[in-house]
Amino acid sequence: MDTAELISQDLDKQIITTHKRFQKAMQARLGGMSLGTKERYFAVLSLLVTKLEEPSRPLRDVLQDVLIESAPYIAQELSGQ
């Protein structure tokens, strides 16, 4: 196995571990979130997952779309509405 493959495998493991940490952190926060915050979070999360489910789309395109389409939800959250 070459160095690039080893690095790639290590990054895969780190990503999986970080996803688990993210899930645990968000589960801990859900009880303290307002209904509006939960709705906005779900909208952004659903948008991201829907875009990621298209395996042929480059990640760059996914992120660009999510950034643009989630901007209103993020702006609402930041404004405290």
N, C-alpha and C. Protein backbone atom coordinates (compact mmCIF):
# COMPACT_ATOMS: atom_id res chain seq x y z
N MET A 1 0.84 -1.18 0.00
CA MET A 1 0.00 0.00 0.00
C MET A 1 0.89 1.25 0.00
N ASP A 2 0.56 2.18 -0.86
CA ASP A 2 1.39 3.39 -0.92
C ASP A 2 0.92 4.42 0.12
N THR A 3 1.69 5.46 0.26
CA THR A 3 1.44 6.49 1.27
C THR A 3 0.08 7.16 1.07
N ALA A 4 -0.26 7.47 -0.17
CA ALA A 4 -1.54 8.15 -0.46
C ALA A 4 -2.72 7.27 -0.02
N GLU A 5 -2.62 5.98 -0.26
CA GLU A 5 -3.70 5.06 0.16
C GLU A 5 -3.83 5.01 1.67
N LEU A 6 -2.69 4.98 2.35
CA LEU A 6 -2.71 4.96 3.82
C LEU A 6 -3.33 6.24 4.37
N ILE A 7 -2.96 7.35 3.79
CA ILE A 7 -3.51 8.63 4.22
C ILE A 7 -5.02 8.66 3.95
N SER A 8 -5.43 8.18 2.80
CA SER A 8 -6.85 8.14 2.45
C SER A 8 -7.63 7.28 3.44
N GLN A 9 -7.11 6.12 3.77
CA GLN A 9 -7.78 5.24 4.73
C GLN A 9 -7.87 5.88 6.11
N ASP A 10 -6.79 6.57 6.50
CA ASP A 10 -6.81 7.25 7.80
C ASP A 10 -7.85 8.36 7.80
N LEU A 11 -7.93 9.11 6.71
CA LEU A 11 -8.94 10.16 6.63
C LEU A 11 -10.35 9.58 6.66
N ASP A 12 -10.56 8.45 5.99
CA ASP A 12 -11.86 7.79 6.04
C ASP A 12 -12.25 7.50 7.49
N LYS A 13 -11.32 6.95 8.26
CA LYS A 13 -11.59 6.63 9.66
C LYS A 13 -11.88 7.90 10.46
N GLN A 14 -11.12 8.95 10.21
CA GLN A 14 -11.33 10.21 10.93
C GLN A 14 -12.69 10.82 10.59
N ILE A 15 -13.08 10.72 9.34
CA ILE A 15 -14.38 11.25 8.92
C ILE A 15 -15.50 10.49 9.61
N ILE A 16 -15.41 9.17 9.64
CA ILE A 16 -16.43 8.35 10.30
C ILE A 16 -16.52 8.69 11.78
N THR A 17 -15.38 8.83 12.43
CA THR A 17 -15.35 9.19 13.84
C THR A 17 -15.97 10.57 14.07
N THR A 18 -15.66 11.50 13.21
CA THR A 18 -16.19 12.86 13.33
C THR A 18 -17.69 12.88 13.09
N HIS A 19 -18.19 12.07 12.14
CA HIS A 19 -19.63 11.97 11.93
C HIS A 19 -20.33 11.48 13.19
N LYS A 20 -19.73 10.50 13.86
CA LYS A 20 -20.31 9.97 15.10
C LYS A 20 -20.32 11.05 16.19
N ARG A 21 -19.23 11.80 16.28
CA ARG A 21 -19.16 12.89 17.27
C ARG A 21 -20.23 13.94 16.96
N PHE A 22 -20.39 14.27 15.68
CA PHE A 22 -21.39 15.25 15.25
C PHE A 22 -22.79 14.79 15.65
N GLN A 23 -23.10 13.53 15.36
CA GLN A 23 -24.41 13.00 15.68
C GLN A 23 -24.68 13.07 17.19
N LYS A 24 -23.69 12.69 17.97
CA LYS A 24 -23.84 12.73 19.43
C LYS A 24 -24.03 14.16 19.93
N ALA A 25 -23.25 15.09 19.39
CA ALA A 25 -23.35 16.49 19.80
C ALA A 25 -24.72 17.07 19.45
N MET A 26 -25.24 16.76 18.26
CA MET A 26 -26.54 17.29 17.87
C MET A 26 -27.67 16.66 18.69
N GLN A 27 -27.56 15.38 18.98
CA GLN A 27 -28.58 14.74 19.82
C GLN A 27 -28.64 15.40 21.19
N ALA A 28 -27.50 15.78 21.70
CA ALA A 28 -27.45 16.45 23.00
C ALA A 28 -28.08 17.84 22.96
N ARG A 29 -28.05 18.49 21.81
CA ARG A 29 -28.58 19.84 21.68
C ARG A 29 -30.08 19.89 21.39
N LEU A 30 -30.63 18.83 20.81
CA LEU A 30 -32.02 18.87 20.34
C LEU A 30 -33.01 19.28 21.42
N GLY A 31 -32.85 18.77 22.61
CA GLY A 31 -33.80 19.09 23.69
C GLY A 31 -33.85 20.56 24.04
N GLY A 32 -32.75 21.27 23.83
CA GLY A 32 -32.70 22.68 24.18
C GLY A 32 -32.99 23.62 23.03
N MET A 33 -33.27 23.07 21.86
CA MET A 33 -33.54 23.92 20.69
C MET A 33 -34.99 24.35 20.64
N SER A 34 -35.20 25.58 20.19
CA SER A 34 -36.57 26.04 19.96
C SER A 34 -37.12 25.34 18.72
N LEU A 35 -38.43 25.38 18.58
CA LEU A 35 -39.07 24.77 17.43
C LEU A 35 -38.56 25.39 16.13
N GLY A 36 -38.42 26.70 16.11
CA GLY A 36 -37.93 27.38 14.91
C GLY A 36 -36.53 26.95 14.54
N THR A 37 -35.67 26.84 15.53
CA THR A 37 -34.30 26.39 15.27
C THR A 37 -34.29 24.96 14.75
N LYS A 38 -35.11 24.10 15.35
CA LYS A 38 -35.20 22.72 14.87
C LYS A 38 -35.66 22.68 13.41
N GLU A 39 -36.65 23.50 13.07
CA GLU A 39 -37.16 23.52 11.70
C GLU A 39 -36.07 23.98 10.72
N ARG A 40 -35.34 25.01 11.08
CA ARG A 40 -34.27 25.51 10.20
C ARG A 40 -33.13 24.50 10.09
N TYR A 41 -32.77 23.90 11.20
CA TYR A 41 -31.71 22.89 11.17
C TYR A 41 -32.13 21.72 10.29
N PHE A 42 -33.36 21.26 10.46
CA PHE A 42 -33.85 20.15 9.64
C PHE A 42 -33.87 20.52 8.16
N ALA A 43 -34.25 21.72 7.84
CA ALA A 43 -34.28 22.15 6.44
C ALA A 43 -32.89 22.10 5.83
N VAL A 44 -31.91 22.63 6.54
CA VAL A 44 -30.53 22.65 6.02
C VAL A 44 -29.96 21.23 5.96
N LEU A 45 -30.18 20.45 7.00
CA LEU A 45 -29.67 19.08 7.03
C LEU A 45 -30.31 18.24 5.92
N SER A 46 -31.62 18.38 5.73
CA SER A 46 -32.31 17.63 4.68
C SER A 46 -31.79 18.02 3.30
N LEU A 47 -31.56 19.30 3.12
CA LEU A 47 -31.01 19.78 1.85
C LEU A 47 -29.65 19.16 1.57
N LEU A 48 -28.80 19.16 2.57
CA LEU A 48 -27.46 18.58 2.42
C LEU A 48 -27.53 17.10 2.09
N VAL A 49 -28.32 16.37 2.83
CA VAL A 49 -28.42 14.92 2.61
C VAL A 49 -28.99 14.62 1.23
N THR A 50 -30.02 15.34 0.84
CA THR A 50 -30.62 15.13 -0.48
C THR A 50 -29.59 15.34 -1.59
N LYS A 51 -28.81 16.38 -1.47
CA LYS A 51 -27.77 16.64 -2.48
C LYS A 51 -26.68 15.57 -2.44
N LEU A 52 -26.30 15.12 -1.26
CA LEU A 52 -25.26 14.10 -1.14
C LEU A 52 -25.72 12.74 -1.67
N GLU A 53 -27.01 12.52 -1.69
CA GLU A 53 -27.54 11.24 -2.18
C GLU A 53 -27.41 11.09 -3.69
N GLU A 54 -26.98 12.12 -4.36
CA GLU A 54 -26.73 12.06 -5.80
C GLU A 54 -25.23 11.79 -5.98
N PRO A 55 -24.83 10.51 -6.03
CA PRO A 55 -23.40 10.17 -6.02
C PRO A 55 -22.62 10.70 -7.23
N SER A 56 -23.29 10.99 -8.31
CA SER A 56 -22.57 11.47 -9.49
C SER A 56 -22.23 12.96 -9.40
N ARG A 57 -22.85 13.66 -8.46
CA ARG A 57 -22.57 15.10 -8.33
C ARG A 57 -21.29 15.32 -7.56
N PRO A 58 -20.40 16.13 -8.09
CA PRO A 58 -19.17 16.44 -7.35
C PRO A 58 -19.49 17.15 -6.03
N LEU A 59 -18.69 16.87 -5.03
CA LEU A 59 -18.91 17.47 -3.71
C LEU A 59 -18.89 19.00 -3.80
N ARG A 60 -18.07 19.53 -4.67
CA ARG A 60 -18.01 20.98 -4.85
C ARG A 60 -19.38 21.53 -5.24
N ASP A 61 -20.06 20.86 -6.18
CA ASP A 61 -21.38 21.30 -6.61
C ASP A 61 -22.41 21.16 -5.49
N VAL A 62 -22.31 20.08 -4.75
CA VAL A 62 -23.21 19.86 -3.62
C VAL A 62 -23.06 21.01 -2.63
N LEU A 63 -21.84 21.30 -2.25
CA LEU A 63 -21.59 22.36 -1.26
C LEU A 63 -22.03 23.73 -1.77
N GLN A 64 -21.79 23.98 -3.05
CA GLN A 64 -22.20 25.26 -3.62
C GLN A 64 -23.72 25.40 -3.56
N ASP A 65 -24.44 24.37 -3.96
CA ASP A 65 -25.91 24.42 -3.91
C ASP A 65 -26.42 24.57 -2.48
N VAL A 66 -25.85 23.79 -1.57
CA VAL A 66 -26.30 23.84 -0.18
C VAL A 66 -26.02 25.23 0.41
N LEU A 67 -24.88 25.78 0.12
CA LEU A 67 -24.55 27.10 0.64
C LEU A 67 -25.57 28.14 0.16
N ILE A 68 -25.87 28.10 -1.12
CA ILE A 68 -26.81 29.08 -1.69
C ILE A 68 -28.23 28.85 -1.16
N GLU A 69 -28.68 27.59 -1.19
CA GLU A 69 -30.07 27.29 -0.82
C GLU A 69 -30.33 27.37 0.68
N SER A 70 -29.30 27.21 1.49
CA SER A 70 -29.50 27.26 2.93
C SER A 70 -29.29 28.66 3.51
N ALA A 71 -28.83 29.59 2.70
CA ALA A 71 -28.55 30.94 3.18
C ALA A 71 -29.74 31.59 3.90
N PRO A 72 -30.96 31.47 3.38
CA PRO A 72 -32.09 32.09 4.10
C PRO A 72 -32.30 31.50 5.50
N TYR A 73 -32.14 30.18 5.63
CA TYR A 73 -32.31 29.54 6.94
C TYR A 73 -31.22 29.98 7.91
N ILE A 74 -30.01 30.07 7.40
CA ILE A 74 -28.89 30.50 8.24
C ILE A 74 -29.08 31.95 8.67
N ALA A 75 -29.51 32.79 7.75
CA ALA A 75 -29.75 34.20 8.07
C ALA A 75 -30.84 34.34 9.14
N GLN A 76 -31.90 33.54 9.02
CA GLN A 76 -32.97 33.58 10.03
C GLN A 76 -32.43 33.18 11.40
N GLU A 77 -31.63 32.13 11.41
CA GLU A 77 -31.08 31.65 12.70
C GLU A 77 -30.16 32.69 13.31
N LEU A 78 -29.33 33.30 12.49
CA LEU A 78 -28.39 34.31 13.01
C LEU A 78 -29.11 35.56 13.49
N SER A 79 -30.26 35.85 12.90
CA SER A 79 -30.99 37.04 13.33
C SER A 79 -31.87 36.78 14.55
N GLY A 80 -31.93 35.51 14.97
CA GLY A 80 -32.67 35.18 16.18
C GLY A 80 -34.16 35.08 15.99
N GLN A 81 -34.60 34.92 14.78
CA GLN A 81 -36.05 34.83 14.50
C GLN A 81 -36.58 33.46 14.77
